[in-house]
Amino acid sequence: SICFNVPAPVVDGNVIRVFARCLAWPDNFK
């Protein structure tokens, strides 16, 4: 995505925290 503008979403610890809270998803993201 950063180098070649490919629309591929990243999922790391920061991304998980943002959207686990936004969506209130109780999943185990590990």
PDB file of all heavy atoms in Angstrom:
ATOM      1  N   SER A   1       0.821  -1.215   0.000  1.00  0.00           N
ATOM      2  CA  SER A   1       0.000   0.000   0.000  1.00  0.00           C
ATOM      3  C   SER A   1       0.856   1.266   0.000  1.00  0.00           C
ATOM      4  O   SER A   1       0.580   2.210  -0.746  1.00  0.00           O
ATOM      5  CB  SER A   1      -0.935  -0.005   1.212  1.00  0.00           C
ATOM      6  OG  SER A   1      -0.205   0.025   2.435  1.00  0.00           O
ATOM      7  N   ILE A   2       1.908   1.282   0.801  1.00  0.00           N
ATOM      8  CA  ILE A   2       2.734   2.487   0.922  1.00  0.00           C
ATOM      9  C   ILE A   2       3.567   2.716  -0.332  1.00  0.00           C
ATOM     10  O   ILE A   2       3.699   3.844  -0.824  1.00  0.00           O
ATOM     11  CB  ILE A   2       3.638   2.390   2.157  1.00  0.00           C
ATOM     12  CG1 ILE A   2       2.798   2.402   3.443  1.00  0.00           C
ATOM     13  CG2 ILE A   2       4.651   3.532   2.185  1.00  0.00           C
ATOM     14  CD1 ILE A   2       3.584   2.061   4.697  1.00  0.00           C
ATOM     15  N   CYS A   3       4.130   1.645  -0.877  1.00  0.00           N
ATOM     16  CA  CYS A   3       5.070   1.786  -2.002  1.00  0.00           C
ATOM     17  C   CYS A   3       4.398   1.695  -3.371  1.00  0.00           C
ATOM     18  O   CYS A   3       4.849   2.345  -4.320  1.00  0.00           O
ATOM     19  CB  CYS A   3       6.159   0.714  -1.915  1.00  0.00           C
ATOM     20  SG  CYS A   3       7.149   0.801  -0.421  1.00  0.00           S
ATOM     21  N   PHE A   4       3.330   0.895  -3.462  1.00  0.00           N
ATOM     22  CA  PHE A   4       2.765   0.605  -4.784  1.00  0.00           C
ATOM     23  C   PHE A   4       1.270   0.936  -4.878  1.00  0.00           C
ATOM     24  O   PHE A   4       0.621   0.565  -5.843  1.00  0.00           O
ATOM     25  CB  PHE A   4       3.022  -0.861  -5.130  1.00  0.00           C
ATOM     26  CG  PHE A   4       4.472  -1.265  -4.992  1.00  0.00           C
ATOM     27  CD1 PHE A   4       4.864  -2.201  -4.054  1.00  0.00           C
ATOM     28  CD2 PHE A   4       5.451  -0.681  -5.789  1.00  0.00           C
ATOM     29  CE1 PHE A   4       6.197  -2.576  -3.912  1.00  0.00           C
ATOM     30  CE2 PHE A   4       6.789  -1.036  -5.654  1.00  0.00           C
ATOM     31  CZ  PHE A   4       7.164  -1.987  -4.716  1.00  0.00           C
ATOM     32  N   ASN A   5       0.739   1.632  -3.872  1.00  0.00           N
ATOM     33  CA  ASN A   5      -0.648   2.113  -3.897  1.00  0.00           C
ATOM     34  C   ASN A   5      -1.675   0.996  -4.037  1.00  0.00           C
ATOM     35  O   ASN A   5      -2.745   1.181  -4.610  1.00  0.00           O
ATOM     36  CB  ASN A   5      -0.842   3.137  -5.027  1.00  0.00           C
ATOM     37  CG  ASN A   5      -1.849   4.204  -4.652  1.00  0.00           C
ATOM     38  OD1 ASN A   5      -1.876   4.666  -3.507  1.00  0.00           O
ATOM     39  ND2 ASN A   5      -2.674   4.607  -5.596  1.00  0.00           N
ATOM     40  N   VAL A   6      -1.354  -0.174  -3.507  1.00  0.00           N
ATOM     41  CA  VAL A   6      -2.272  -1.310  -3.555  1.00  0.00           C
ATOM     42  C   VAL A   6      -3.252  -1.191  -2.383  1.00  0.00           C
ATOM     43  O   VAL A   6      -2.830  -0.993  -1.237  1.00  0.00           O
ATOM     44  CB  VAL A   6      -1.494  -2.644  -3.466  1.00  0.00           C
ATOM     45  CG1 VAL A   6      -2.465  -3.825  -3.424  1.00  0.00           C
ATOM     46  CG2 VAL A   6      -0.543  -2.771  -4.647  1.00  0.00           C
ATOM     47  N   PRO A   7      -4.563  -1.330  -2.622  1.00  0.00           N
ATOM     48  CA  PRO A   7      -5.544  -1.194  -1.536  1.00  0.00           C
ATOM     49  C   PRO A   7      -5.613  -2.439  -0.658  1.00  0.00           C
ATOM     50  O   PRO A   7      -6.594  -3.172  -0.659  1.00  0.00           O
ATOM     51  CB  PRO A   7      -6.859  -0.951  -2.281  1.00  0.00           C
ATOM     52  CG  PRO A   7      -6.687  -1.643  -3.581  1.00  0.00           C
ATOM     53  CD  PRO A   7      -5.222  -1.494  -3.933  1.00  0.00           C
ATOM     54  N   ALA A   8      -4.564  -2.657   0.122  1.00  0.00           N
ATOM     55  CA  ALA A   8      -4.487  -3.813   1.020  1.00  0.00           C
ATOM     56  C   ALA A   8      -4.471  -3.295   2.447  1.00  0.00           C
ATOM     57  O   ALA A   8      -3.528  -2.599   2.850  1.00  0.00           O
ATOM     58  CB  ALA A   8      -3.226  -4.617   0.725  1.00  0.00           C
ATOM     59  N   PRO A   9      -5.488  -3.595   3.249  1.00  0.00           N
ATOM     60  CA  PRO A   9      -5.541  -3.067   4.624  1.00  0.00           C
ATOM     61  C   PRO A   9      -4.559  -3.754   5.546  1.00  0.00           C
ATOM     62  O   PRO A   9      -4.350  -4.970   5.470  1.00  0.00           O
ATOM     63  CB  PRO A   9      -6.983  -3.336   5.050  1.00  0.00           C
ATOM     64  CG  PRO A   9      -7.411  -4.501   4.236  1.00  0.00           C
ATOM     65  CD  PRO A   9      -6.676  -4.390   2.924  1.00  0.00           C
ATOM     66  N   VAL A  10      -3.942  -2.994   6.428  1.00  0.00           N
ATOM     67  CA  VAL A  10      -3.047  -3.564   7.426  1.00  0.00           C
ATOM     68  C   VAL A  10      -3.826  -3.796   8.720  1.00  0.00           C
ATOM     69  O   VAL A  10      -4.751  -3.056   9.044  1.00  0.00           O
ATOM     70  CB  VAL A  10      -1.829  -2.662   7.713  1.00  0.00           C
ATOM     71  CG1 VAL A  10      -1.013  -2.413   6.457  1.00  0.00           C
ATOM     72  CG2 VAL A  10      -2.257  -1.350   8.337  1.00  0.00           C
ATOM     73  N   VAL A  11      -3.423  -4.817   9.446  1.00  0.00           N
ATOM     74  CA  VAL A  11      -4.005  -5.099  10.754  1.00  0.00           C
ATOM     75  C   VAL A  11      -2.856  -5.350  11.715  1.00  0.00           C
ATOM     76  O   VAL A  11      -2.247  -6.414  11.702  1.00  0.00           O
ATOM     77  CB  VAL A  11      -4.965  -6.311  10.711  1.00  0.00           C
ATOM     78  CG1 VAL A  11      -5.420  -6.674  12.125  1.00  0.00           C
ATOM     79  CG2 VAL A  11      -6.177  -5.997   9.851  1.00  0.00           C
ATOM     80  N   ASP A  12      -2.525  -4.327  12.509  1.00  0.00           N
ATOM     81  CA  ASP A  12      -1.519  -4.487  13.559  1.00  0.00           C
ATOM     82  C   ASP A  12      -2.163  -4.119  14.893  1.00  0.00           C
ATOM     83  O   ASP A  12      -3.384  -3.896  14.974  1.00  0.00           O
ATOM     84  CB  ASP A  12      -0.277  -3.645  13.274  1.00  0.00           C
ATOM     85  CG  ASP A  12      -0.491  -2.157  13.522  1.00  0.00           C
ATOM     86  OD1 ASP A  12      -1.668  -1.713  13.579  1.00  0.00           O
ATOM     87  OD2 ASP A  12       0.499  -1.420  13.675  1.00  0.00           O
ATOM     88  N   GLY A  13      -1.375  -4.036  15.946  1.00  0.00           N
ATOM     89  CA  GLY A  13      -1.924  -3.762  17.262  1.00  0.00           C
ATOM     90  C   GLY A  13      -2.654  -2.436  17.343  1.00  0.00           C
ATOM     91  O   GLY A  13      -3.709  -2.328  17.984  1.00  0.00           O
ATOM     92  N   ASN A  14      -2.113  -1.405  16.691  1.00  0.00           N
ATOM     93  CA  ASN A  14      -2.764  -0.100  16.718  1.00  0.00           C
ATOM     94  C   ASN A  14      -4.089  -0.119  15.971  1.00  0.00           C
ATOM     95  O   ASN A  14      -5.090   0.434  16.430  1.00  0.00           O
ATOM     96  CB  ASN A  14      -1.836   0.957  16.101  1.00  0.00           C
ATOM     97  CG  ASN A  14      -0.689   1.321  17.019  1.00  0.00           C
ATOM     98  OD1 ASN A  14      -0.857   1.468  18.216  1.00  0.00           O
ATOM     99  ND2 ASN A  14       0.508   1.448  16.444  1.00  0.00           N
ATOM    100  N   VAL A  15      -4.103  -0.733  14.809  1.00  0.00           N
ATOM    101  CA  VAL A  15      -5.327  -0.813  14.002  1.00  0.00           C
ATOM    102  C   VAL A  15      -6.397  -1.612  14.748  1.00  0.00           C
ATOM    103  O   VAL A  15      -7.576  -1.230  14.785  1.00  0.00           O
ATOM    104  CB  VAL A  15      -5.025  -1.445  12.631  1.00  0.00           C
ATOM    105  CG1 VAL A  15      -6.311  -1.642  11.824  1.00  0.00           C
ATOM    106  CG2 VAL A  15      -4.040  -0.586  11.850  1.00  0.00           C
ATOM    107  N   ILE A  16      -5.985  -2.708  15.342  1.00  0.00           N
ATOM    108  CA  ILE A  16      -6.925  -3.525  16.117  1.00  0.00           C
ATOM    109  C   ILE A  16      -7.547  -2.718  17.246  1.00  0.00           C
ATOM    110  O   ILE A  16      -8.764  -2.752  17.458  1.00  0.00           O
ATOM    111  CB  ILE A  16      -6.206  -4.770  16.676  1.00  0.00           C
ATOM    112  CG1 ILE A  16      -5.930  -5.771  15.554  1.00  0.00           C
ATOM    113  CG2 ILE A  16      -7.014  -5.414  17.795  1.00  0.00           C
ATOM    114  CD1 ILE A  16      -4.996  -6.890  15.947  1.00  0.00           C
ATOM    115  N   ARG A  17      -6.729  -1.955  17.968  1.00  0.00           N
ATOM    116  CA  ARG A  17      -7.245  -1.197  19.107  1.00  0.00           C
ATOM    117  C   ARG A  17      -8.252  -0.145  18.655  1.00  0.00           C
ATOM    118  O   ARG A  17      -9.317   0.018  19.262  1.00  0.00           O
ATOM    119  CB  ARG A  17      -6.082  -0.552  19.862  1.00  0.00           C
ATOM    120  CG  ARG A  17      -6.505   0.093  21.165  1.00  0.00           C
ATOM    121  CD  ARG A  17      -5.315   0.392  22.037  1.00  0.00           C
ATOM    122  NE  ARG A  17      -4.302   1.197  21.378  1.00  0.00           N
ATOM    123  CZ  ARG A  17      -3.142   0.732  20.892  1.00  0.00           C
ATOM    124  NH1 ARG A  17      -2.832  -0.549  21.025  1.00  0.00           N
ATOM    125  NH2 ARG A  17      -2.277   1.533  20.299  1.00  0.00           N
ATOM    126  N   VAL A  18      -7.950   0.562  17.571  1.00  0.00           N
ATOM    127  CA  VAL A  18      -8.856   1.594  17.076  1.00  0.00           C
ATOM    128  C   VAL A  18     -10.221   1.009  16.736  1.00  0.00           C
ATOM    129  O   VAL A  18     -11.270   1.517  17.173  1.00  0.00           O
ATOM    130  CB  VAL A  18      -8.250   2.304  15.844  1.00  0.00           C
ATOM    131  CG1 VAL A  18      -9.302   3.176  15.153  1.00  0.00           C
ATOM    132  CG2 VAL A  18      -7.047   3.148  16.239  1.00  0.00           C
ATOM    133  N   PHE A  19     -10.224  -0.074  15.965  1.00  0.00           N
ATOM    134  CA  PHE A  19     -11.515  -0.554  15.467  1.00  0.00           C
ATOM    135  C   PHE A  19     -12.195  -1.547  16.392  1.00  0.00           C
ATOM    136  O   PHE A  19     -13.415  -1.702  16.337  1.00  0.00           O
ATOM    137  CB  PHE A  19     -11.349  -1.095  14.048  1.00  0.00           C
ATOM    138  CG  PHE A  19     -11.124   0.001  13.059  1.00  0.00           C
ATOM    139  CD1 PHE A  19      -9.879   0.209  12.498  1.00  0.00           C
ATOM    140  CD2 PHE A  19     -12.152   0.882  12.751  1.00  0.00           C
ATOM    141  CE1 PHE A  19      -9.669   1.254  11.620  1.00  0.00           C
ATOM    142  CE2 PHE A  19     -11.952   1.937  11.876  1.00  0.00           C
ATOM    143  CZ  PHE A  19     -10.710   2.131  11.306  1.00  0.00           C
ATOM    144  N   ALA A  20     -11.443  -2.215  17.263  1.00  0.00           N
ATOM    145  CA  ALA A  20     -12.111  -3.000  18.301  1.00  0.00           C
ATOM    146  C   ALA A  20     -12.951  -2.071  19.168  1.00  0.00           C
ATOM    147  O   ALA A  20     -14.061  -2.427  19.598  1.00  0.00           O
ATOM    148  CB  ALA A  20     -11.090  -3.747  19.146  1.00  0.00           C
ATOM    149  N   ARG A  21     -12.456  -0.850  19.420  1.00  0.00           N
ATOM    150  CA  ARG A  21     -13.209   0.125  20.210  1.00  0.00           C
ATOM    151  C   ARG A  21     -14.339   0.753  19.393  1.00  0.00           C
ATOM    152  O   ARG A  21     -15.473   0.868  19.871  1.00  0.00           O
ATOM    153  CB  ARG A  21     -12.258   1.205  20.733  1.00  0.00           C
ATOM    154  CG  ARG A  21     -11.344   0.712  21.850  1.00  0.00           C
ATOM    155  CD  ARG A  21     -10.268   1.731  22.196  1.00  0.00           C
ATOM    156  NE  ARG A  21      -9.501   1.291  23.372  1.00  0.00           N
ATOM    157  CZ  ARG A  21      -8.390   1.873  23.798  1.00  0.00           C
ATOM    158  NH1 ARG A  21      -7.899   2.927  23.138  1.00  0.00           N
ATOM    159  NH2 ARG A  21      -7.764   1.419  24.862  1.00  0.00           N
ATOM    160  N   CYS A  22     -14.020   1.166  18.165  1.00  0.00           N
ATOM    161  CA  CYS A  22     -15.058   1.788  17.346  1.00  0.00           C
ATOM    162  C   CYS A  22     -16.248   0.854  17.136  1.00  0.00           C
ATOM    163  O   CYS A  22     -17.408   1.271  17.209  1.00  0.00           O
ATOM    164  CB  CYS A  22     -14.483   2.188  15.991  1.00  0.00           C
ATOM    165  SG  CYS A  22     -13.688   3.803  15.965  1.00  0.00           S
ATOM    166  N   LEU A  23     -15.950  -0.408  16.855  1.00  0.00           N
ATOM    167  CA  LEU A  23     -16.993  -1.375  16.524  1.00  0.00           C
ATOM    168  C   LEU A  23     -17.459  -2.184  17.722  1.00  0.00           C
ATOM    169  O   LEU A  23     -18.432  -2.933  17.612  1.00  0.00           O
ATOM    170  CB  LEU A  23     -16.476  -2.320  15.435  1.00  0.00           C
ATOM    171  CG  LEU A  23     -16.011  -1.629  14.143  1.00  0.00           C
ATOM    172  CD1 LEU A  23     -15.267  -2.618  13.245  1.00  0.00           C
ATOM    173  CD2 LEU A  23     -17.189  -1.016  13.397  1.00  0.00           C
ATOM    174  N   ALA A  24     -16.736  -2.062  18.846  1.00  0.00           N
ATOM    175  CA  ALA A  24     -17.042  -2.840  20.060  1.00  0.00           C
ATOM    176  C   ALA A  24     -17.069  -4.335  19.757  1.00  0.00           C
ATOM    177  O   ALA A  24     -17.959  -5.061  20.197  1.00  0.00           O
ATOM    178  CB  ALA A  24     -18.360  -2.380  20.679  1.00  0.00           C
ATOM    179  N   TRP A  25     -16.059  -4.774  19.025  1.00  0.00           N
ATOM    180  CA  TRP A  25     -15.947  -6.201  18.711  1.00  0.00           C
ATOM    181  C   TRP A  25     -15.209  -6.906  19.845  1.00  0.00           C
ATOM    182  O   TRP A  25     -14.087  -6.518  20.193  1.00  0.00           O
ATOM    183  CB  TRP A  25     -15.184  -6.400  17.410  1.00  0.00           C
ATOM    184  CG  TRP A  25     -16.017  -6.142  16.186  1.00  0.00           C
ATOM    185  CD1 TRP A  25     -17.327  -5.777  16.142  1.00  0.00           C
ATOM    186  CD2 TRP A  25     -15.574  -6.235  14.822  1.00  0.00           C
ATOM    187  NE1 TRP A  25     -17.734  -5.624  14.844  1.00  0.00           N
ATOM    188  CE2 TRP A  25     -16.688  -5.904  14.011  1.00  0.00           C
ATOM    189  CE3 TRP A  25     -14.365  -6.546  14.222  1.00  0.00           C
ATOM    190  CZ2 TRP A  25     -16.616  -5.889  12.616  1.00  0.00           C
ATOM    191  CZ3 TRP A  25     -14.283  -6.534  12.837  1.00  0.00           C
ATOM    192  CH2 TRP A  25     -15.403  -6.219  12.045  1.00  0.00           C
ATOM    193  N   PRO A  26     -15.777  -7.977  20.395  1.00  0.00           N
ATOM    194  CA  PRO A  26     -15.145  -8.668  21.525  1.00  0.00           C
ATOM    195  C   PRO A  26     -14.205  -9.800  21.108  1.00  0.00           C
ATOM    196  O   PRO A  26     -13.848 -10.637  21.925  1.00  0.00           O
ATOM    197  CB  PRO A  26     -16.354  -9.227  22.275  1.00  0.00           C
ATOM    198  CG  PRO A  26     -17.336  -9.536  21.187  1.00  0.00           C
ATOM    199  CD  PRO A  26     -17.143  -8.472  20.141  1.00  0.00           C
ATOM    200  N   ASP A  27     -13.804  -9.819  19.840  1.00  0.00           N
ATOM    201  CA  ASP A  27     -13.003 -10.926  19.309  1.00  0.00           C
ATOM    202  C   ASP A  27     -11.614 -10.970  19.936  1.00  0.00           C
ATOM    203  O   ASP A  27     -11.075  -9.955  20.378  1.00  0.00           O
ATOM    204  CB  ASP A  27     -12.848 -10.792  17.794  1.00  0.00           C
ATOM    205  CG  ASP A  27     -14.180 -10.687  17.075  1.00  0.00           C
ATOM    206  OD1 ASP A  27     -14.900  -9.706  17.334  1.00  0.00           O
ATOM    207  OD2 ASP A  27     -14.493 -11.564  16.269  1.00  0.00           O
ATOM    208  N   ASN A  28     -11.032 -12.161  19.922  1.00  0.00           N
ATOM    209  CA  ASN A  28      -9.630 -12.338  20.297  1.00  0.00           C
ATOM    210  C   ASN A  28      -8.787 -12.124  19.048  1.00  0.00           C
ATOM    211  O   ASN A  28      -8.669 -13.022  18.211  1.00  0.00           O
ATOM    212  CB  ASN A  28      -9.404 -13.733  20.876  1.00  0.00           C
ATOM    213  CG  ASN A  28      -7.934 -14.011  21.159  1.00  0.00           C
ATOM    214  OD1 ASN A  28      -7.090 -13.122  21.087  1.00  0.00           O
ATOM    215  ND2 ASN A  28      -7.613 -15.251  21.466  1.00  0.00           N
ATOM    216  N   PHE A  29      -8.222 -10.943  18.906  1.00  0.00           N
ATOM    217  CA  PHE A  29      -7.527 -10.594  17.675  1.00  0.00           C
ATOM    218  C   PHE A  29      -6.139 -11.217  17.565  1.00  0.00           C
ATOM    219  O   PHE A  29      -5.418 -10.938  16.603  1.00  0.00           O
ATOM    220  CB  PHE A  29      -7.460  -9.075  17.525  1.00  0.00           C
ATOM    221  CG  PHE A  29      -8.771  -8.480  17.115  1.00  0.00           C
ATOM    222  CD1 PHE A  29      -9.622  -7.934  18.064  1.00  0.00           C
ATOM    223  CD2 PHE A  29      -9.181  -8.505  15.800  1.00  0.00           C
ATOM    224  CE1 PHE A  29     -10.844  -7.395  17.702  1.00  0.00           C
ATOM    225  CE2 PHE A  29     -10.394  -7.970  15.415  1.00  0.00           C
ATOM    226  CZ  PHE A  29     -11.242  -7.418  16.368  1.00  0.00           C
ATOM    227  N   LYS A  30      -5.780 -12.042  18.516  1.00  0.00           N
ATOM    228  CA  LYS A  30      -4.546 -12.810  18.361  1.00  0.00           C
ATOM    229  C   LYS A  30      -4.770 -14.019  17.459  1.00  0.00           C
ATOM    230  O   LYS A  30      -3.813 -14.701  17.096  1.00  0.00           O
ATOM    231  CB  LYS A  30      -4.025 -13.257  19.730  1.00  0.00           C
ATOM    232  CG  LYS A  30      -3.530 -12.101  20.592  1.00  0.00           C
ATOM    233  CD  LYS A  30      -2.876 -12.598  21.861  1.00  0.00           C
ATOM    234  CE  LYS A  30      -2.376 -11.433  22.715  1.00  0.00           C
ATOM    235  NZ  LYS A  30      -1.285 -10.691  22.059  1.00  0.00           N
TER     236      LYS A  30
END
